[in-house]
N, C-alpha and C. Protein backbone atom coordinates (compact mmCIF):
# COMPACT_ATOMS: atom_id res chain seq x y z
N MET A 1 -19.15 33.93 -25.82
CA MET A 1 -19.64 34.54 -26.29
C MET A 1 -20.10 36.03 -25.44
N SER A 2 -19.58 37.39 -26.03
CA SER A 2 -20.09 38.69 -25.35
C SER A 2 -21.48 38.87 -25.41
N GLU A 3 -22.07 39.59 -24.36
CA GLU A 3 -23.23 40.03 -23.91
C GLU A 3 -24.06 41.41 -25.16
N LYS A 4 -23.09 41.76 -25.95
CA LYS A 4 -23.47 42.60 -26.70
C LYS A 4 -24.16 41.59 -27.98
N THR A 5 -23.08 40.74 -28.57
CA THR A 5 -23.14 39.67 -29.60
C THR A 5 -24.19 38.86 -29.39
N ASP A 6 -25.18 38.72 -27.99
CA ASP A 6 -25.73 38.00 -28.34
C ASP A 6 -27.28 39.07 -27.99
N GLN A 7 -27.25 40.13 -27.98
CA GLN A 7 -28.02 41.06 -28.03
C GLN A 7 -28.57 41.52 -29.65
N PHE A 8 -27.04 41.54 -30.06
CA PHE A 8 -27.44 41.98 -31.82
C PHE A 8 -27.53 40.76 -32.37
N VAL A 9 -27.43 40.03 -32.50
CA VAL A 9 -27.94 38.65 -32.98
C VAL A 9 -29.26 38.57 -32.90
N LYS A 10 -29.74 38.70 -31.32
CA LYS A 10 -31.16 38.42 -31.34
C LYS A 10 -31.94 39.52 -31.99
N ALA A 11 -31.64 40.67 -31.56
CA ALA A 11 -32.23 41.83 -32.54
C ALA A 11 -32.31 41.60 -33.91
N LEU A 12 -31.15 41.48 -34.27
CA LEU A 12 -31.32 40.95 -35.99
C LEU A 12 -32.04 39.86 -36.55
N TYR A 13 -32.02 38.77 -35.69
CA TYR A 13 -33.13 37.50 -36.18
C TYR A 13 -34.82 38.13 -35.80
N GLU A 14 -35.05 39.04 -35.38
CA GLU A 14 -35.98 39.66 -34.94
C GLU A 14 -36.21 40.70 -36.04
N THR A 15 -35.39 41.77 -36.51
CA THR A 15 -35.78 42.12 -37.36
C THR A 15 -36.13 41.22 -38.85
N VAL A 16 -35.21 40.86 -39.06
CA VAL A 16 -34.67 40.28 -40.46
C VAL A 16 -35.80 39.11 -40.81
N VAL A 17 -35.81 38.19 -40.11
CA VAL A 17 -36.46 37.02 -40.14
C VAL A 17 -37.72 36.81 -39.80
N GLN A 18 -38.25 37.18 -38.10
CA GLN A 18 -39.63 37.37 -37.85
C GLN A 18 -40.09 38.68 -38.31
N GLU A 19 -39.85 39.63 -38.50
CA GLU A 19 -40.29 40.94 -38.75
C GLU A 19 -40.44 40.60 -40.86
N GLY A 20 -39.70 40.18 -40.98
CA GLY A 20 -39.26 40.14 -42.47
C GLY A 20 -40.38 38.95 -42.89
N LEU A 21 -40.39 37.74 -42.31
CA LEU A 21 -41.39 37.22 -42.77
C LEU A 21 -43.38 37.42 -42.77
N HIS A 22 -42.92 38.17 -41.54
CA HIS A 22 -44.81 39.01 -41.38
C HIS A 22 -44.73 39.80 -42.53
N THR A 23 -43.82 40.46 -43.01
CA THR A 23 -44.47 41.19 -43.95
C THR A 23 -44.46 40.73 -45.34
N TYR A 24 -43.88 39.36 -45.37
CA TYR A 24 -43.43 38.75 -47.11
C TYR A 24 -44.90 38.16 -46.60
N LYS A 25 -45.60 37.46 -45.28
CA LYS A 25 -47.29 36.91 -45.66
C LYS A 25 -47.98 38.03 -45.53
N GLU A 26 -47.81 39.46 -44.95
CA GLU A 26 -48.98 40.14 -45.25
C GLU A 26 -49.00 40.40 -46.75
N MET A 27 -48.02 40.60 -47.77
CA MET A 27 -47.78 40.89 -49.14
C MET A 27 -48.32 39.90 -50.08
N TYR A 28 -48.16 38.72 -49.48
CA TYR A 28 -48.66 37.23 -50.20
C TYR A 28 -50.03 37.64 -50.35
N GLU A 29 -50.83 38.11 -49.30
CA GLU A 29 -52.04 37.87 -49.06
C GLU A 29 -53.21 39.28 -49.46
N GLU A 30 -52.35 40.44 -49.55
CA GLU A 30 -52.75 41.30 -50.43
C GLU A 30 -53.38 40.70 -52.31
N GLU A 31 -54.30 41.58 -52.29
CA GLU A 31 -55.32 42.26 -52.98
C GLU A 31 -54.11 42.24 -54.76
N LEU A 32 -54.34 41.76 -55.29
CA LEU A 32 -53.45 41.86 -56.95
C LEU A 32 -54.76 42.42 -57.94
N SER A 33 -54.14 43.39 -58.70
CA SER A 33 -55.15 43.79 -60.31
C SER A 33 -54.70 42.72 -60.86
N ALA A 34 -56.05 42.65 -61.99
CA ALA A 34 -55.50 41.25 -62.75
C ALA A 34 -54.77 41.81 -63.77
N SER A 35 -54.44 43.16 -64.30
CA SER A 35 -53.58 43.68 -64.97
C SER A 35 -51.70 44.00 -64.61
N GLU A 36 -51.86 43.20 -63.24
CA GLU A 36 -50.19 42.77 -62.64
C GLU A 36 -49.91 41.84 -63.17
N VAL A 37 -48.61 41.82 -64.14
CA VAL A 37 -48.41 40.60 -64.68
C VAL A 37 -47.12 40.45 -64.31
N ASP A 38 -46.09 40.93 -63.64
CA ASP A 38 -44.99 40.98 -63.69
C ASP A 38 -44.51 39.67 -62.69
N LEU A 39 -43.40 39.33 -62.23
CA LEU A 39 -42.76 37.96 -62.35
C LEU A 39 -43.01 37.72 -60.63
N TYR A 40 -43.12 39.10 -60.02
CA TYR A 40 -43.60 39.00 -58.25
C TYR A 40 -45.04 38.85 -58.44
N SER A 41 -45.80 39.53 -58.86
CA SER A 41 -47.54 39.40 -59.36
C SER A 41 -47.51 37.82 -59.30
N GLN A 42 -47.13 37.32 -59.87
CA GLN A 42 -47.23 35.68 -60.74
C GLN A 42 -47.04 35.35 -59.51
N ALA A 43 -46.15 35.60 -58.47
CA ALA A 43 -45.58 34.69 -57.37
C ALA A 43 -46.38 35.04 -56.27
N ILE A 44 -47.34 36.08 -56.20
CA ILE A 44 -48.20 36.19 -54.86
C ILE A 44 -49.49 35.68 -55.44
N HIS A 45 -49.68 35.63 -56.66
CA HIS A 45 -50.92 35.04 -57.29
C HIS A 45 -50.76 33.39 -57.23
N MET A 46 -49.70 32.85 -57.72
CA MET A 46 -49.22 31.64 -57.10
C MET A 46 -49.86 31.12 -55.58
N TYR A 47 -48.97 31.86 -54.90
CA TYR A 47 -49.51 31.90 -53.40
C TYR A 47 -50.69 31.65 -53.03
N GLN A 48 -51.60 32.65 -53.56
CA GLN A 48 -52.80 32.77 -53.09
C GLN A 48 -53.50 31.53 -53.52
N GLN A 49 -53.81 30.75 -54.65
CA GLN A 49 -54.13 29.75 -55.52
C GLN A 49 -53.47 28.70 -54.57
N MET A 50 -52.80 28.73 -53.88
CA MET A 50 -52.61 27.16 -52.50
C MET A 50 -53.35 27.21 -51.66
N ASN A 51 -53.48 25.99 -51.30
CA ASN A 51 -54.23 25.65 -49.79
C ASN A 51 -53.59 26.09 -48.60
N ALA A 52 -54.03 26.15 -47.63
CA ALA A 52 -53.55 26.57 -46.18
C ALA A 52 -52.41 25.90 -45.85
N GLU A 53 -52.04 24.64 -46.44
CA GLU A 53 -50.91 23.87 -45.94
C GLU A 53 -50.02 24.33 -46.84
N GLN A 54 -50.24 24.22 -47.85
CA GLN A 54 -49.02 24.85 -49.10
C GLN A 54 -48.53 25.85 -48.74
N GLN A 55 -49.50 27.30 -48.28
CA GLN A 55 -48.75 28.76 -47.95
C GLN A 55 -48.03 28.19 -46.95
N ARG A 56 -48.36 27.55 -46.00
CA ARG A 56 -47.41 27.29 -44.74
C ARG A 56 -46.31 26.75 -45.19
N LEU A 57 -46.26 25.83 -46.05
CA LEU A 57 -45.05 25.44 -46.23
C LEU A 57 -43.77 26.35 -47.06
N MET A 58 -44.61 27.08 -47.86
CA MET A 58 -43.95 28.39 -48.77
C MET A 58 -43.34 29.40 -47.79
N MET A 59 -44.19 29.50 -46.84
CA MET A 59 -43.74 30.36 -45.57
C MET A 59 -42.73 30.03 -45.11
N HIS A 60 -42.59 28.59 -44.80
CA HIS A 60 -41.60 28.01 -44.15
C HIS A 60 -40.34 28.07 -44.69
N MET A 61 -40.46 27.65 -45.79
CA MET A 61 -39.24 27.38 -47.20
C MET A 61 -38.69 28.91 -47.14
N ILE A 62 -39.09 30.19 -47.27
CA ILE A 62 -39.02 31.49 -47.03
C ILE A 62 -38.15 31.79 -45.75
N GLU A 63 -38.45 31.31 -44.62
CA GLU A 63 -38.28 31.45 -43.94
C GLU A 63 -36.81 30.71 -43.48
N VAL A 64 -36.88 29.75 -43.88
CA VAL A 64 -35.02 28.79 -44.10
C VAL A 64 -34.23 29.74 -45.37
N VAL A 65 -34.34 30.00 -46.03
CA VAL A 65 -33.40 30.95 -47.10
C VAL A 65 -33.43 31.77 -46.00
N MET A 66 -34.21 32.85 -45.47
CA MET A 66 -34.02 33.88 -44.82
C MET A 66 -32.77 33.35 -43.47
N VAL A 67 -33.35 32.32 -42.82
CA VAL A 67 -32.07 31.93 -41.70
C VAL A 67 -30.89 32.03 -42.57
N ASP A 68 -30.94 30.90 -43.24
CA ASP A 68 -29.52 30.53 -44.01
C ASP A 68 -28.75 31.45 -44.59
N THR A 69 -29.47 32.65 -44.68
CA THR A 69 -28.66 33.61 -45.78
C THR A 69 -28.00 34.08 -44.54
N VAL A 70 -29.00 34.68 -43.61
CA VAL A 70 -28.32 35.69 -42.49
C VAL A 70 -27.34 34.91 -41.66
N SER A 71 -27.43 33.58 -41.43
CA SER A 71 -26.08 33.13 -40.97
C SER A 71 -24.87 32.53 -41.73
N HIS A 72 -25.35 32.55 -43.37
CA HIS A 72 -24.15 32.85 -44.35
C HIS A 72 -23.53 34.10 -43.87
N VAL A 73 -24.39 35.42 -44.10
CA VAL A 73 -23.60 36.58 -44.07
C VAL A 73 -22.89 36.45 -42.69
N PHE A 74 -23.09 36.08 -41.05
CA PHE A 74 -22.53 36.09 -40.28
C PHE A 74 -21.30 35.72 -40.17
N GLY A 75 -20.96 34.75 -41.24
CA GLY A 75 -20.35 33.72 -41.46
C GLY A 75 -19.40 34.81 -42.04
N VAL A 76 -19.57 35.44 -42.44
CA VAL A 76 -18.68 36.07 -43.78
C VAL A 76 -18.21 37.09 -43.18
N LEU A 77 -19.11 37.66 -42.02
CA LEU A 77 -18.70 38.91 -41.40
C LEU A 77 -17.57 38.49 -40.15
N ASP A 78 -17.87 37.55 -39.75
CA ASP A 78 -16.80 37.13 -38.87
C ASP A 78 -15.74 36.51 -38.99
N GLY A 79 -15.94 35.95 -39.79
CA GLY A 79 -14.35 35.19 -40.83
C GLY A 79 -14.57 33.93 -41.05
N THR A 80 -15.60 33.50 -40.49
CA THR A 80 -15.50 31.98 -40.45
C THR A 80 -16.15 31.16 -41.99
N SER A 81 -16.42 32.11 -42.75
CA SER A 81 -16.54 31.68 -44.33
C SER A 81 -16.00 32.77 -44.86
N PRO A 82 -15.12 32.06 -45.65
CA PRO A 82 -14.29 33.14 -46.89
C PRO A 82 -15.30 33.55 -48.02
N LEU A 83 -15.07 34.39 -48.25
CA LEU A 83 -15.62 35.07 -49.38
C LEU A 83 -14.62 34.26 -51.08
N THR A 84 -15.83 34.09 -52.11
CA THR A 84 -15.19 33.60 -52.75
C THR A 84 -14.18 34.44 -53.99
N ASP A 85 -13.14 33.33 -53.85
CA ASP A 85 -12.06 34.53 -55.04
C ASP A 85 -12.17 35.84 -53.93
N SER A 86 -11.46 35.43 -52.84
CA SER A 86 -11.26 37.44 -52.54
C SER A 86 -10.90 36.75 -50.58
N GLU A 87 -9.43 37.70 -50.98
CA GLU A 87 -8.71 37.49 -49.68
C GLU A 87 -9.33 38.77 -48.69
N MET A 88 -10.06 39.77 -48.99
CA MET A 88 -10.77 40.89 -48.27
C MET A 88 -11.29 39.92 -46.78
N GLU A 89 -11.06 40.95 -45.81
CA GLU A 89 -11.67 40.65 -44.52
C GLU A 89 -12.53 41.46 -44.03
N ALA A 90 -13.42 41.22 -43.29
CA ALA A 90 -14.17 41.92 -42.58
C ALA A 90 -14.37 42.05 -41.22
N THR A 91 -14.59 43.22 -40.43
CA THR A 91 -14.38 43.37 -39.48
C THR A 91 -15.64 43.59 -38.57
N VAL A 92 -16.38 43.59 -37.41
CA VAL A 92 -17.51 43.96 -37.29
C VAL A 92 -17.18 44.12 -35.59
N LEU A 93 -17.68 46.01 -35.47
CA LEU A 93 -17.33 46.28 -33.89
C LEU A 93 -18.72 46.26 -33.61
N LEU A 94 -19.54 46.00 -32.17
CA LEU A 94 -20.39 46.39 -31.35
C LEU A 94 -20.33 46.82 -30.27
N ASP A 95 -20.42 48.18 -30.49
CA ASP A 95 -19.44 49.27 -29.70
C ASP A 95 -18.27 49.36 -29.06
N GLY A 96 -17.64 49.27 -30.21
CA GLY A 96 -16.19 49.37 -30.16
C GLY A 96 -15.66 47.55 -29.99
N THR A 97 -16.41 46.88 -29.96
CA THR A 97 -15.77 45.10 -29.31
C THR A 97 -16.35 44.27 -30.69
N ASP A 98 -14.80 43.77 -31.06
CA ASP A 98 -14.76 43.21 -32.19
C ASP A 98 -15.48 41.59 -31.84
N THR A 99 -16.20 41.49 -33.14
CA THR A 99 -17.04 40.45 -33.14
C THR A 99 -16.75 38.87 -33.53
N GLU A 100 -15.13 38.99 -33.87
CA GLU A 100 -14.19 38.01 -34.79
C GLU A 100 -14.81 36.50 -34.00
N MET A 101 -14.81 35.96 -35.25
CA MET A 101 -15.76 34.13 -35.07
C MET A 101 -16.59 34.32 -33.96
N GLU A 102 -17.42 35.29 -33.71
CA GLU A 102 -18.85 34.71 -32.63
C GLU A 102 -20.37 34.72 -33.53
N LEU A 103 -20.18 35.71 -34.69
CA LEU A 103 -21.30 35.98 -34.83
C LEU A 103 -22.16 34.77 -35.35
N GLN A 104 -22.07 33.81 -36.33
CA GLN A 104 -22.41 32.76 -37.20
C GLN A 104 -23.21 31.88 -36.12
N ASP A 105 -21.96 31.80 -35.29
CA ASP A 105 -22.04 30.60 -33.91
C ASP A 105 -22.90 31.10 -32.76
N THR A 106 -23.11 32.70 -32.98
CA THR A 106 -23.94 32.92 -31.59
C THR A 106 -25.35 32.92 -31.99
N PHE A 107 -25.61 33.49 -33.89
CA PHE A 107 -26.76 33.00 -33.88
C PHE A 107 -27.29 31.83 -34.14
N ILE A 108 -26.72 30.78 -34.87
CA ILE A 108 -27.24 29.40 -34.50
C ILE A 108 -27.41 29.31 -33.54
N GLY A 109 -26.77 29.30 -32.52
CA GLY A 109 -26.90 28.85 -30.69
C GLY A 109 -28.04 29.30 -30.67
N TYR A 110 -28.25 30.53 -30.86
CA TYR A 110 -29.60 31.54 -30.45
C TYR A 110 -30.97 30.59 -30.78
N LEU A 111 -30.64 30.18 -31.95
CA LEU A 111 -31.50 29.48 -32.96
C LEU A 111 -31.94 28.26 -32.40
N GLN A 112 -31.23 27.40 -32.14
CA GLN A 112 -31.04 26.45 -31.33
C GLN A 112 -31.57 26.16 -30.11
N ASP A 113 -30.76 27.10 -29.33
CA ASP A 113 -31.48 27.28 -27.95
C ASP A 113 -33.03 27.86 -27.45
N GLU A 114 -33.70 27.98 -28.24
CA GLU A 114 -34.55 28.77 -28.21
C GLU A 114 -36.01 27.91 -29.46
N ASP A 115 -35.38 27.01 -29.82
CA ASP A 115 -35.42 25.90 -30.79
C ASP A 115 -36.85 26.95 -31.93
N LEU A 116 -36.02 27.81 -32.55
CA LEU A 116 -36.14 28.33 -33.79
C LEU A 116 -35.81 28.40 -35.10
N TYR A 117 -34.97 27.32 -35.09
CA TYR A 117 -34.46 27.13 -36.27
C TYR A 117 -35.41 26.53 -37.09
N PRO A 118 -35.75 27.08 -38.47
CA PRO A 118 -37.02 26.33 -39.13
C PRO A 118 -36.54 24.68 -39.65
């Protein structure tokens, strides 16, 4: 595994998962006006009606979905997971270095090494 791939995976985890989860938590805790009836507002209202343990579980489930999605996208990009009904292959270069077959494994390894897998 290259150092560039390690840096990229860690930065992506921090940006997408950690910062994203923090943003979701803030959004779910903000005040809503009574007139908001769209599905997103209904989900926030549902979250706000939960007790602290239920809210923690909901945020955990969101984190699991985020991590699994990032892992799957990495697999598609690095060639370890094929696209359904497609022969296309992606190539990801980090500063000119091919990441073929490394992104998903590096991401999962990072989560396991740092005890971050939800």
